[in-house]
Amino acid sequence: MAYYLWRGRMSKRSLEAMVKNPHSRTEAAAAIIEAAGGKLHHYFFALGDDDIVLITEFPDNASIAAVSMAAGATGAVENVKSTALLTMDETVSAMQTAKKVSGSYRPPQA
């Protein structure tokens, strides 16, 4: 499975509900992620442009896209963004492949 950084903003309605009834959203997030075959590693509330930041694992891009669509469709979260993350081992492998293929690309010439 691949790692993903998932970010979003809580809707005004969601924030109002959580202020009236303070509670963790970790269990709800884990449920939808697991339903799509993923795993929630960390759920953070953030300061700045994003209210929530999650570190997750999913079997593929379509699975995280499905969770983003389903969560966004409820109106609870907005401005959802996901970023694929590479482990350091995957990054080193990419570097090795880059070394192998470097020189096979020719930049445009005038």
PDB file of N, CA and C in Angstrom:
ATOM      1  N   MET A   1       0.843  -1.180   0.000  1.00  0.00           N
ATOM      2  CA  MET A   1       0.000   0.000   0.000  1.00  0.00           C
ATOM      3  C   MET A   1       0.891   1.247   0.000  1.00  0.00           C
ATOM      4  N   ALA A   2       0.350   2.308  -0.538  1.00  0.00           N
ATOM      5  CA  ALA A   2       1.082   3.566  -0.639  1.00  0.00           C
ATOM      6  C   ALA A   2       0.617   4.544   0.444  1.00  0.00           C
ATOM      7  N   TYR A   3       1.529   5.422   0.829  1.00  0.00           N
ATOM      8  CA  TYR A   3       1.216   6.453   1.827  1.00  0.00           C
ATOM      9  C   TYR A   3       0.687   7.712   1.144  1.00  0.00           C
ATOM     10  N   TYR A   4      -0.226   8.386   1.839  1.00  0.00           N
ATOM     11  CA  TYR A   4      -0.792   9.632   1.333  1.00  0.00           C
ATOM     12  C   TYR A   4      -0.942  10.643   2.466  1.00  0.00           C
ATOM     13  N   LEU A   5      -0.718  11.888   2.129  1.00  0.00           N
ATOM     14  CA  LEU A   5      -1.022  13.017   3.002  1.00  0.00           C
ATOM     15  C   LEU A   5      -2.374  13.533   2.540  1.00  0.00           C
ATOM     16  N   TRP A   6      -3.321  13.648   3.435  1.00  0.00           N
ATOM     17  CA  TRP A   6      -4.687  14.067   3.111  1.00  0.00           C
ATOM     18  C   TRP A   6      -4.991  15.308   3.934  1.00  0.00           C
ATOM     19  N   ARG A   7      -5.397  16.394   3.274  1.00  0.00           N
ATOM     20  CA  ARG A   7      -5.658  17.660   3.961  1.00  0.00           C
ATOM     21  C   ARG A   7      -7.026  18.205   3.575  1.00  0.00           C
ATOM     22  N   GLY A   8      -7.619  18.966   4.470  1.00  0.00           N
ATOM     23  CA  GLY A   8      -8.907  19.585   4.172  1.00  0.00           C
ATOM     24  C   GLY A   8      -9.307  20.576   5.249  1.00  0.00           C
ATOM     25  N   ARG A   9     -10.410  21.240   4.976  1.00  0.00           N
ATOM     26  CA  ARG A   9     -10.977  22.195   5.929  1.00  0.00           C
ATOM     27  C   ARG A   9     -12.328  21.676   6.399  1.00  0.00           C
ATOM     28  N   MET A  10     -12.572  21.826   7.677  1.00  0.00           N
ATOM     29  CA  MET A  10     -13.883  21.481   8.208  1.00  0.00           C
ATOM     30  C   MET A  10     -14.861  22.567   7.778  1.00  0.00           C
ATOM     31  N   SER A  11     -16.068  22.168   7.408  1.00  0.00           N
ATOM     32  CA  SER A  11     -17.088  23.149   7.042  1.00  0.00           C
ATOM     33  C   SER A  11     -17.526  23.915   8.288  1.00  0.00           C
ATOM     34  N   LYS A  12     -18.125  25.060   8.076  1.00  0.00           N
ATOM     35  CA  LYS A  12     -18.645  25.864   9.189  1.00  0.00           C
ATOM     36  C   LYS A  12     -19.623  25.024  10.012  1.00  0.00           C
ATOM     37  N   ARG A  13     -20.473  24.286   9.321  1.00  0.00           N
ATOM     38  CA  ARG A  13     -21.462  23.435  10.003  1.00  0.00           C
ATOM     39  C   ARG A  13     -20.775  22.389  10.879  1.00  0.00           C
ATOM     40  N   SER A  14     -19.693  21.787  10.376  1.00  0.00           N
ATOM     41  CA  SER A  14     -18.966  20.776  11.151  1.00  0.00           C
ATOM     42  C   SER A  14     -18.316  21.388  12.383  1.00  0.00           C
ATOM     43  N   LEU A  15     -17.681  22.547  12.203  1.00  0.00           N
ATOM     44  CA  LEU A  15     -17.047  23.220  13.344  1.00  0.00           C
ATOM     45  C   LEU A  15     -18.075  23.598  14.406  1.00  0.00           C
ATOM     46  N   GLU A  16     -19.229  24.107  13.978  1.00  0.00           N
ATOM     47  CA  GLU A  16     -20.292  24.448  14.935  1.00  0.00           C
ATOM     48  C   GLU A  16     -20.725  23.213  15.721  1.00  0.00           C
ATOM     49  N   ALA A  17     -20.883  22.088  15.023  1.00  0.00           N
ATOM     50  CA  ALA A  17     -21.313  20.845  15.687  1.00  0.00           C
ATOM     51  C   ALA A  17     -20.268  20.363  16.678  1.00  0.00           C
ATOM     52  N   MET A  18     -18.983  20.484  16.334  1.00  0.00           N
ATOM     53  CA  MET A  18     -17.928  20.015  17.229  1.00  0.00           C
ATOM     54  C   MET A  18     -17.747  20.932  18.438  1.00  0.00           C
ATOM     55  N   VAL A  19     -18.045  22.213  18.284  1.00  0.00           N
ATOM     56  CA  VAL A  19     -17.988  23.123  19.433  1.00  0.00           C
ATOM     57  C   VAL A  19     -19.149  22.825  20.383  1.00  0.00           C
ATOM     58  N   LYS A  20     -20.337  22.557  19.832  1.00  0.00           N
ATOM     59  CA  LYS A  20     -21.498  22.228  20.663  1.00  0.00           C
ATOM     60  C   LYS A  20     -21.336  20.875  21.342  1.00  0.00           C
ATOM     61  N   ASN A  21     -20.686  19.937  20.652  1.00  0.00           N
ATOM     62  CA  ASN A  21     -20.504  18.585  21.179  1.00  0.00           C
ATOM     63  C   ASN A  21     -19.062  18.156  20.921  1.00  0.00           C
ATOM     64  N   PRO A  22     -18.112  18.604  21.755  1.00  0.00           N
ATOM     65  CA  PRO A  22     -16.695  18.285  21.528  1.00  0.00           C
ATOM     66  C   PRO A  22     -16.446  16.769  21.527  1.00  0.00           C
ATOM     67  N   HIS A  23     -15.800  16.315  20.463  1.00  0.00           N
ATOM     68  CA  HIS A  23     -15.472  14.895  20.359  1.00  0.00           C
ATOM     69  C   HIS A  23     -14.408  14.697  19.282  1.00  0.00           C
ATOM     70  N   SER A  24     -13.738  13.565  19.342  1.00  0.00           N
ATOM     71  CA  SER A  24     -12.712  13.207  18.360  1.00  0.00           C
ATOM     72  C   SER A  24     -13.368  12.701  17.085  1.00  0.00           C
ATOM     73  N   ARG A  25     -12.814  13.070  15.951  1.00  0.00           N
ATOM     74  CA  ARG A  25     -13.297  12.590  14.661  1.00  0.00           C
ATOM     75  C   ARG A  25     -12.444  11.436  14.128  1.00  0.00           C
ATOM     76  N   THR A  26     -11.487  10.988  14.926  1.00  0.00           N
ATOM     77  CA  THR A  26     -10.571   9.949  14.479  1.00  0.00           C
ATOM     78  C   THR A  26     -11.311   8.665  14.108  1.00  0.00           C
ATOM     79  N   GLU A  27     -12.234   8.241  14.930  1.00  0.00           N
ATOM     80  CA  GLU A  27     -12.959   6.994  14.670  1.00  0.00           C
ATOM     81  C   GLU A  27     -13.769   7.082  13.382  1.00  0.00           C
ATOM     82  N   ALA A  28     -14.422   8.199  13.144  1.00  0.00           N
ATOM     83  CA  ALA A  28     -15.215   8.376  11.920  1.00  0.00           C
ATOM     84  C   ALA A  28     -14.308   8.378  10.687  1.00  0.00           C
ATOM     85  N   ALA A  29     -13.151   9.042  10.791  1.00  0.00           N
ATOM     86  CA  ALA A  29     -12.205   9.068   9.668  1.00  0.00           C
ATOM     87  C   ALA A  29     -11.668   7.667   9.398  1.00  0.00           C
ATOM     88  N   ALA A  30     -11.302   6.953  10.454  1.00  0.00           N
ATOM     89  CA  ALA A  30     -10.774   5.595  10.289  1.00  0.00           C
ATOM     90  C   ALA A  30     -11.810   4.686   9.633  1.00  0.00           C
ATOM     91  N   ALA A  31     -13.078   4.848   9.981  1.00  0.00           N
ATOM     92  CA  ALA A  31     -14.128   3.982   9.438  1.00  0.00           C
ATOM     93  C   ALA A  31     -14.240   4.119   7.921  1.00  0.00           C
ATOM     94  N   ILE A  32     -14.252   5.342   7.404  1.00  0.00           N
ATOM     95  CA  ILE A  32     -14.403   5.514   5.955  1.00  0.00           C
ATOM     96  C   ILE A  32     -13.136   5.095   5.225  1.00  0.00           C
ATOM     97  N   ILE A  33     -11.990   5.354   5.840  1.00  0.00           N
ATOM     98  CA  ILE A  33     -10.712   4.963   5.227  1.00  0.00           C
ATOM     99  C   ILE A  33     -10.607   3.444   5.149  1.00  0.00           C
ATOM    100  N   GLU A  34     -10.946   2.762   6.230  1.00  0.00           N
ATOM    101  CA  GLU A  34     -10.889   1.302   6.258  1.00  0.00           C
ATOM    102  C   GLU A  34     -11.918   0.685   5.316  1.00  0.00           C
ATOM    103  N   ALA A  35     -13.077   1.332   5.165  1.00  0.00           N
ATOM    104  CA  ALA A  35     -14.103   0.832   4.244  1.00  0.00           C
ATOM    105  C   ALA A  35     -13.595   0.812   2.803  1.00  0.00           C
ATOM    106  N   ALA A  36     -12.645   1.696   2.493  1.00  0.00           N
ATOM    107  CA  ALA A  36     -12.065   1.753   1.145  1.00  0.00           C
ATOM    108  C   ALA A  36     -10.770   0.943   1.048  1.00  0.00           C
ATOM    109  N   GLY A  37     -10.457   0.162   2.083  1.00  0.00           N
ATOM    110  CA  GLY A  37      -9.260  -0.676   2.059  1.00  0.00           C
ATOM    111  C   GLY A  37      -8.002   0.017   2.537  1.00  0.00           C
ATOM    112  N   GLY A  38      -8.159   1.215   3.137  1.00  0.00           N
ATOM    113  CA  GLY A  38      -7.002   1.972   3.609  1.00  0.00           C
ATOM    114  C   GLY A  38      -6.764   1.831   5.090  1.00  0.00           C
ATOM    115  N   LYS A  39      -5.786   2.577   5.554  1.00  0.00           N
ATOM    116  CA  LYS A  39      -5.435   2.578   6.981  1.00  0.00           C
ATOM    117  C   LYS A  39      -5.098   4.004   7.395  1.00  0.00           C
ATOM    118  N   LEU A  40      -5.653   4.427   8.522  1.00  0.00           N
ATOM    119  CA  LEU A  40      -5.350   5.747   9.082  1.00  0.00           C
ATOM    120  C   LEU A  40      -4.192   5.598  10.062  1.00  0.00           C
ATOM    121  N   HIS A  41      -3.107   6.341   9.809  1.00  0.00           N
ATOM    122  CA  HIS A  41      -1.957   6.320  10.719  1.00  0.00           C
ATOM    123  C   HIS A  41      -2.026   7.456  11.735  1.00  0.00           C
ATOM    124  N   HIS A  42      -2.340   8.651  11.270  1.00  0.00           N
ATOM    125  CA  HIS A  42      -2.408   9.816  12.161  1.00  0.00           C
ATOM    126  C   HIS A  42      -3.495  10.767  11.686  1.00  0.00           C
ATOM    127  N   TYR A  43      -4.178  11.369  12.642  1.00  0.00           N
ATOM    128  CA  TYR A  43      -5.201  12.385  12.369  1.00  0.00           C
ATOM    129  C   TYR A  43      -4.816  13.590  13.205  1.00  0.00           C
ATOM    130  N   PHE A  44      -4.540  14.697  12.544  1.00  0.00           N
ATOM    131  CA  PHE A  44      -4.139  15.920  13.238  1.00  0.00           C
ATOM    132  C   PHE A  44      -5.130  17.038  12.958  1.00  0.00           C
ATOM    133  N   PHE A  45      -5.369  17.882  13.946  1.00  0.00           N
ATOM    134  CA  PHE A  45      -6.037  19.156  13.719  1.00  0.00           C
ATOM    135  C   PHE A  45      -4.918  20.162  13.528  1.00  0.00           C
ATOM    136  N   ALA A  46      -5.010  20.984  12.508  1.00  0.00           N
ATOM    137  CA  ALA A  46      -3.905  21.857  12.124  1.00  0.00           C
ATOM    138  C   ALA A  46      -4.306  23.326  12.195  1.00  0.00           C
ATOM    139  N   LEU A  47      -3.312  24.166  12.332  1.00  0.00           N
ATOM    140  CA  LEU A  47      -3.502  25.610  12.281  1.00  0.00           C
ATOM    141  C   LEU A  47      -3.010  26.083  10.917  1.00  0.00           C
ATOM    142  N   GLY A  48      -3.757  26.949  10.270  1.00  0.00           N
ATOM    143  CA  GLY A  48      -3.338  27.428   8.961  1.00  0.00           C
ATOM    144  C   GLY A  48      -4.436  27.221   7.934  1.00  0.00           C
ATOM    145  N   ASP A  49      -4.036  27.000   6.696  1.00  0.00           N
ATOM    146  CA  ASP A  49      -4.999  26.849   5.608  1.00  0.00           C
ATOM    147  C   ASP A  49      -5.842  25.585   5.737  1.00  0.00           C
ATOM    148  N   ASP A  50      -5.286  24.541   6.312  1.00  0.00           N
ATOM    149  CA  ASP A  50      -6.002  23.277   6.488  1.00  0.00           C
ATOM    150  C   ASP A  50      -6.331  23.068   7.957  1.00  0.00           C
ATOM    151  N   ASP A  51      -7.548  22.587   8.219  1.00  0.00           N
ATOM    152  CA  ASP A  51      -7.947  22.273   9.595  1.00  0.00           C
ATOM    153  C   ASP A  51      -7.534  20.864   9.991  1.00  0.00           C
ATOM    154  N   ILE A  52      -7.582  19.959   9.015  1.00  0.00           N
ATOM    155  CA  ILE A  52      -7.272  18.572   9.313  1.00  0.00           C
ATOM    156  C   ILE A  52      -6.192  18.055   8.365  1.00  0.00           C
ATOM    157  N   VAL A  53      -5.302  17.254   8.929  1.00  0.00           N
ATOM    158  CA  VAL A  53      -4.212  16.632   8.178  1.00  0.00           C
ATOM    159  C   VAL A  53      -4.152  15.176   8.622  1.00  0.00           C
ATOM    160  N   LEU A  54      -4.203  14.272   7.657  1.00  0.00           N
ATOM    161  CA  LEU A  54      -4.160  12.846   7.952  1.00  0.00           C
ATOM    162  C   LEU A  54      -2.986  12.213   7.223  1.00  0.00           C
ATOM    163  N   ILE A  55      -2.367  11.235   7.841  1.00  0.00           N
ATOM    164  CA  ILE A  55      -1.388  10.382   7.197  1.00  0.00           C
ATOM    165  C   ILE A  55      -2.068   9.023   7.067  1.00  0.00           C
ATOM    166  N   THR A  56      -2.175   8.556   5.830  1.00  0.00           N
ATOM    167  CA  THR A  56      -2.935   7.345   5.545  1.00  0.00           C
ATOM    168  C   THR A  56      -2.160   6.418   4.621  1.00  0.00           C
ATOM    169  N   GLU A  57      -2.670   5.214   4.474  1.00  0.00           N
ATOM    170  CA  GLU A  57      -2.203   4.268   3.465  1.00  0.00           C
ATOM    171  C   GLU A  57      -3.418   3.799   2.683  1.00  0.00           C
ATOM    172  N   PHE A  58      -3.258   3.687   1.372  1.00  0.00           N
ATOM    173  CA  PHE A  58      -4.318   3.169   0.511  1.00  0.00           C
ATOM    174  C   PHE A  58      -3.712   2.228  -0.512  1.00  0.00           C
ATOM    175  N   PRO A  59      -4.508   1.280  -1.008  1.00  0.00           N
ATOM    176  CA  PRO A  59      -3.990   0.352  -2.005  1.00  0.00           C
ATOM    177  C   PRO A  59      -3.713   1.007  -3.355  1.00  0.00           C
ATOM    178  N   ASP A  60      -4.407   2.128  -3.650  1.00  0.00           N
ATOM    179  CA  ASP A  60      -4.211   2.775  -4.946  1.00  0.00           C
ATOM    180  C   ASP A  60      -4.814   4.181  -4.921  1.00  0.00           C
ATOM    181  N   ASN A  61      -4.554   4.931  -5.983  1.00  0.00           N
ATOM    182  CA  ASN A  61      -5.057   6.301  -6.076  1.00  0.00           C
ATOM    183  C   ASN A  61      -6.580   6.357  -6.099  1.00  0.00           C
ATOM    184  N   ALA A  62      -7.215   5.389  -6.755  1.00  0.00           N
ATOM    185  CA  ALA A  62      -8.671   5.386  -6.846  1.00  0.00           C
ATOM    186  C   ALA A  62      -9.322   5.260  -5.468  1.00  0.00           C
ATOM    187  N   SER A  63      -8.699   4.524  -4.565  1.00  0.00           N
ATOM    188  CA  SER A  63      -9.273   4.331  -3.226  1.00  0.00           C
ATOM    189  C   SER A  63      -9.276   5.630  -2.430  1.00  0.00           C
ATOM    190  N   ILE A  64      -8.172   6.372  -2.469  1.00  0.00           N
ATOM    191  CA  ILE A  64      -8.151   7.640  -1.729  1.00  0.00           C
ATOM    192  C   ILE A  64      -9.048   8.664  -2.407  1.00  0.00           C
ATOM    193  N   ALA A  65      -9.140   8.608  -3.733  1.00  0.00           N
ATOM    194  CA  ALA A  65     -10.050   9.515  -4.438  1.00  0.00           C
ATOM    195  C   ALA A  65     -11.489   9.241  -4.018  1.00  0.00           C
ATOM    196  N   ALA A  66     -11.847   7.974  -3.864  1.00  0.00           N
ATOM    197  CA  ALA A  66     -13.203   7.615  -3.449  1.00  0.00           C
ATOM    198  C   ALA A  66     -13.521   8.153  -2.060  1.00  0.00           C
ATOM    199  N   VAL A  67     -12.564   8.036  -1.135  1.00  0.00           N
ATOM    200  CA  VAL A  67     -12.766   8.555   0.221  1.00  0.00           C
ATOM    201  C   VAL A  67     -12.898  10.079   0.188  1.00  0.00           C
ATOM    202  N   SER A  68     -12.065  10.738  -0.590  1.00  0.00           N
ATOM    203  CA  SER A  68     -12.140  12.196  -0.703  1.00  0.00           C
ATOM    204  C   SER A  68     -13.494  12.622  -1.243  1.00  0.00           C
ATOM    205  N   MET A  69     -13.983  11.928  -2.260  1.00  0.00           N
ATOM    206  CA  MET A  69     -15.291  12.251  -2.840  1.00  0.00           C
ATOM    207  C   MET A  69     -16.415  12.007  -1.838  1.00  0.00           C
ATOM    208  N   ALA A  70     -16.376  10.860  -1.185  1.00  0.00           N
ATOM    209  CA  ALA A  70     -17.442  10.509  -0.249  1.00  0.00           C
ATOM    210  C   ALA A  70     -17.475  11.456   0.947  1.00  0.00           C
ATOM    211  N   ALA A  71     -16.309  11.780   1.497  1.00  0.00           N
ATOM    212  CA  ALA A  71     -16.265  12.710   2.637  1.00  0.00           C
ATOM    213  C   ALA A  71     -16.689  14.110   2.199  1.00  0.00           C
ATOM    214  N   GLY A  72     -16.198  14.540   1.049  1.00  0.00           N
ATOM    215  CA  GLY A  72     -16.562  15.858   0.541  1.00  0.00           C
ATOM    216  C   GLY A  72     -18.046  15.977   0.228  1.00  0.00           C
ATOM    217  N   ALA A  73     -18.650  14.903  -0.255  1.00  0.00           N
ATOM    218  CA  ALA A  73     -20.069  14.914  -0.607  1.00  0.00           C
ATOM    219  C   ALA A  73     -20.981  15.121   0.600  1.00  0.00           C
ATOM    220  N   THR A  74     -20.488  14.823   1.804  1.00  0.00           N
ATOM    221  CA  THR A  74     -21.306  15.023   3.004  1.00  0.00           C
ATOM    222  C   THR A  74     -21.407  16.496   3.384  1.00  0.00           C
ATOM    223  N   GLY A  75     -20.491  17.311   2.857  1.00  0.00           N
ATOM    224  CA  GLY A  75     -20.458  18.720   3.231  1.00  0.00           C
ATOM    225  C   GLY A  75     -19.700  18.974   4.521  1.00  0.00           C
ATOM    226  N   ALA A  76     -19.168  17.924   5.144  1.00  0.00           N
ATOM    227  CA  ALA A  76     -18.460  18.075   6.418  1.00  0.00           C
ATOM    228  C   ALA A  76     -17.064  18.648   6.230  1.00  0.00           C
ATOM    229  N   VAL A  77     -16.435  18.316   5.102  1.00  0.00           N
ATOM    230  CA  VAL A  77     -15.084  18.803   4.816  1.00  0.00           C
ATOM    231  C   VAL A  77     -15.072  19.461   3.448  1.00  0.00           C
ATOM    232  N   GLU A  78     -14.180  20.425   3.304  1.00  0.00           N
ATOM    233  CA  GLU A  78     -14.076  21.182   2.055  1.00  0.00           C
ATOM    234  C   GLU A  78     -12.615  21.287   1.661  1.00  0.00           C
ATOM    235  N   ASN A  79     -12.384  21.641   0.411  1.00  0.00           N
ATOM    236  CA  ASN A  79     -11.031  21.892  -0.096  1.00  0.00           C
ATOM    237  C   ASN A  79     -10.096  20.717   0.210  1.00  0.00           C
ATOM    238  N   VAL A  80     -10.579  19.522  -0.079  1.00  0.00           N
ATOM    239  CA  VAL A  80      -9.822  18.301   0.191  1.00  0.00           C
ATOM    240  C   VAL A  80      -8.688  18.165  -0.828  1.00  0.00           C
ATOM    241  N   LYS A  81      -7.493  17.851  -0.320  1.00  0.00           N
ATOM    242  CA  LYS A  81      -6.322  17.657  -1.171  1.00  0.00           C
ATOM    243  C   LYS A  81      -5.591  16.417  -0.684  1.00  0.00           C
ATOM    244  N   SER A  82      -5.098  15.624  -1.621  1.00  0.00           N
ATOM    245  CA  SER A  82      -4.288  14.470  -1.232  1.00  0.00           C
ATOM    246  C   SER A  82      -2.982  14.493  -2.014  1.00  0.00           C
ATOM    247  N   THR A  83      -1.938  14.039  -1.348  1.00  0.00           N
ATOM    248  CA  THR A  83      -0.600  14.008  -1.922  1.00  0.00           C
ATOM    249  C   THR A  83      -0.002  12.633  -1.692  1.00  0.00           C
ATOM    250  N   ALA A  84       0.462  12.005  -2.770  1.00  0.00           N
ATOM    251  CA  ALA A  84       1.134  10.716  -2.628  1.00  0.00           C
ATOM    252  C   ALA A  84       2.489  10.944  -1.971  1.00  0.00           C
ATOM    253  N   LEU A  85       2.853  10.061  -1.050  1.00  0.00           N
ATOM    254  CA  LEU A  85       4.125  10.148  -0.335  1.00  0.00           C
ATOM    255  C   LEU A  85       4.974   8.926  -0.669  1.00  0.00           C
ATOM    256  N   LEU A  86       6.259   9.122  -0.799  1.00  0.00           N
ATOM    257  CA  LEU A  86       7.177   8.012  -1.036  1.00  0.00           C
ATOM    258  C   LEU A  86       8.008   7.771   0.216  1.00  0.00           C
ATOM    259  N   THR A  87       8.190   6.508   0.561  1.00  0.00           N
ATOM    260  CA  THR A  87       9.096   6.180   1.660  1.00  0.00           C
ATOM    261  C   THR A  87      10.520   6.483   1.193  1.00  0.00           C
ATOM    262  N   MET A  88      11.462   6.505   2.113  1.00  0.00           N
ATOM    263  CA  MET A  88      12.841   6.760   1.711  1.00  0.00           C
ATOM    264  C   MET A  88      13.360   5.637   0.825  1.00  0.00           C
ATOM    265  N   ASP A  89      12.976   4.390   1.095  1.00  0.00           N
ATOM    266  CA  ASP A  89      13.385   3.276   0.227  1.00  0.00           C
ATOM    267  C   ASP A  89      12.862   3.474  -1.200  1.00  0.00           C
ATOM    268  N   GLU A  90      11.609   3.902  -1.325  1.00  0.00           N
ATOM    269  CA  GLU A  90      11.047   4.165  -2.653  1.00  0.00           C
ATOM    270  C   GLU A  90      11.779   5.320  -3.331  1.00  0.00           C
ATOM    271  N   THR A  91      12.159   6.323  -2.553  1.00  0.00           N
ATOM    272  CA  THR A  91      12.875   7.469  -3.097  1.00  0.00           C
ATOM    273  C   THR A  91      14.255   7.062  -3.596  1.00  0.00           C
ATOM    274  N   VAL A  92      14.954   6.243  -2.826  1.00  0.00           N
ATOM    275  CA  VAL A  92      16.272   5.766  -3.258  1.00  0.00           C
ATOM    276  C   VAL A  92      16.120   4.941  -4.539  1.00  0.00           C
ATOM    277  N   SER A  93      15.107   4.113  -4.614  1.00  0.00           N
ATOM    278  CA  SER A  93      14.861   3.334  -5.822  1.00  0.00           C
ATOM    279  C   SER A  93      14.621   4.258  -7.020  1.00  0.00           C
ATOM    280  N   ALA A  94      13.861   5.324  -6.802  1.00  0.00           N
ATOM    281  CA  ALA A  94      13.624   6.299  -7.870  1.00  0.00           C
ATOM    282  C   ALA A  94      14.929   6.972  -8.287  1.00  0.00           C
ATOM    283  N   MET A  95      15.773   7.278  -7.317  1.00  0.00           N
ATOM    284  CA  MET A  95      17.080   7.880  -7.631  1.00  0.00           C
ATOM    285  C   MET A  95      17.916   6.933  -8.482  1.00  0.00           C
ATOM    286  N   GLN A  96      17.896   5.638  -8.133  1.00  0.00           N
ATOM    287  CA  GLN A  96      18.670   4.658  -8.886  1.00  0.00           C
ATOM    288  C   GLN A  96      18.155   4.550 -10.322  1.00  0.00           C
ATOM    289  N   THR A  97      16.831   4.570 -10.474  1.00  0.00           N
ATOM    290  CA  THR A  97      16.256   4.536 -11.820  1.00  0.00           C
ATOM    291  C   THR A  97      16.593   5.815 -12.575  1.00  0.00           C
ATOM    292  N   ALA A  98      16.530   6.952 -11.900  1.00  0.00           N
ATOM    293  CA  ALA A  98      16.886   8.231 -12.538  1.00  0.00           C
ATOM    294  C   ALA A  98      18.329   8.206 -13.019  1.00  0.00           C
ATOM    295  N   LYS A  99      19.206   7.635 -12.211  1.00  0.00           N
ATOM    296  CA  LYS A  99      20.622   7.524 -12.600  1.00  0.00           C
ATOM    297  C   LYS A  99      20.747   6.673 -13.860  1.00  0.00           C
ATOM    298  N   LYS A 100      19.980   5.573 -13.894  1.00  0.00           N
ATOM    299  CA  LYS A 100      20.040   4.638 -15.009  1.00  0.00           C
ATOM    300  C   LYS A 100      19.528   5.271 -16.310  1.00  0.00           C
ATOM    301  N   VAL A 101      18.465   6.067 -16.214  1.00  0.00           N
ATOM    302  CA  VAL A 101      17.844   6.618 -17.428  1.00  0.00           C
ATOM    303  C   VAL A 101      18.352   8.004 -17.802  1.00  0.00           C
ATOM    304  N   SER A 102      19.103   8.635 -16.896  1.00  0.00           N
ATOM    305  CA  SER A 102      19.600   9.974 -17.223  1.00  0.00           C
ATOM    306  C   SER A 102      20.482   9.878 -18.458  1.00  0.00           C
ATOM    307  N   GLY A 103      20.358  10.812 -19.328  1.00  0.00           N
ATOM    308  CA  GLY A 103      21.083  10.780 -20.578  1.00  0.00           C
ATOM    309  C   GLY A 103      20.237  10.253 -21.723  1.00  0.00           C
ATOM    310  N   SER A 104      19.110   9.605 -21.417  1.00  0.00           N
ATOM    311  CA  SER A 104      18.248   9.110 -22.490  1.00  0.00           C
ATOM    312  C   SER A 104      17.211  10.152 -22.917  1.00  0.00           C
ATOM    313  N   TYR A 105      17.162  11.255 -22.205  1.00  0.00           N
ATOM    314  CA  TYR A 105      16.245  12.352 -22.561  1.00  0.00           C
ATOM    315  C   TYR A 105      17.053  13.505 -23.142  1.00  0.00           C
ATOM    316  N   ARG A 106      16.598  13.971 -24.261  1.00  0.00           N
ATOM    317  CA  ARG A 106      17.246  15.134 -24.863  1.00  0.00           C
ATOM    318  C   ARG A 106      16.305  16.322 -24.737  1.00  0.00           C
ATOM    319  N   PRO A 107      16.766  17.412 -24.156  1.00  0.00           N
ATOM    320  CA  PRO A 107      15.903  18.598 -24.028  1.00  0.00           C
ATOM    321  C   PRO A 107      15.672  19.228 -25.403  1.00  0.00           C
ATOM    322  N   PRO A 108      14.597  20.013 -25.529  1.00  0.00           N
ATOM    323  CA  PRO A 108      14.329  20.682 -26.813  1.00  0.00           C
ATOM    324  C   PRO A 108      15.489  21.596 -27.199  1.00  0.00           C
ATOM    325  N   GLN A 109      15.704  21.696 -28.478  1.00  0.00           N
ATOM    326  CA  GLN A 109      16.761  22.566 -28.968  1.00  0.00           C
ATOM    327  C   GLN A 109      16.170  23.551 -29.966  1.00  0.00           C
ATOM    328  N   ALA A 110      16.715  24.754 -29.958  1.00  0.00           N
ATOM    329  CA  ALA A 110      16.229  25.791 -30.878  1.00  0.00           C
ATOM    330  C   ALA A 110      16.751  25.564 -32.270  1.00  0.00           C
TER     331      ALA A 110
END
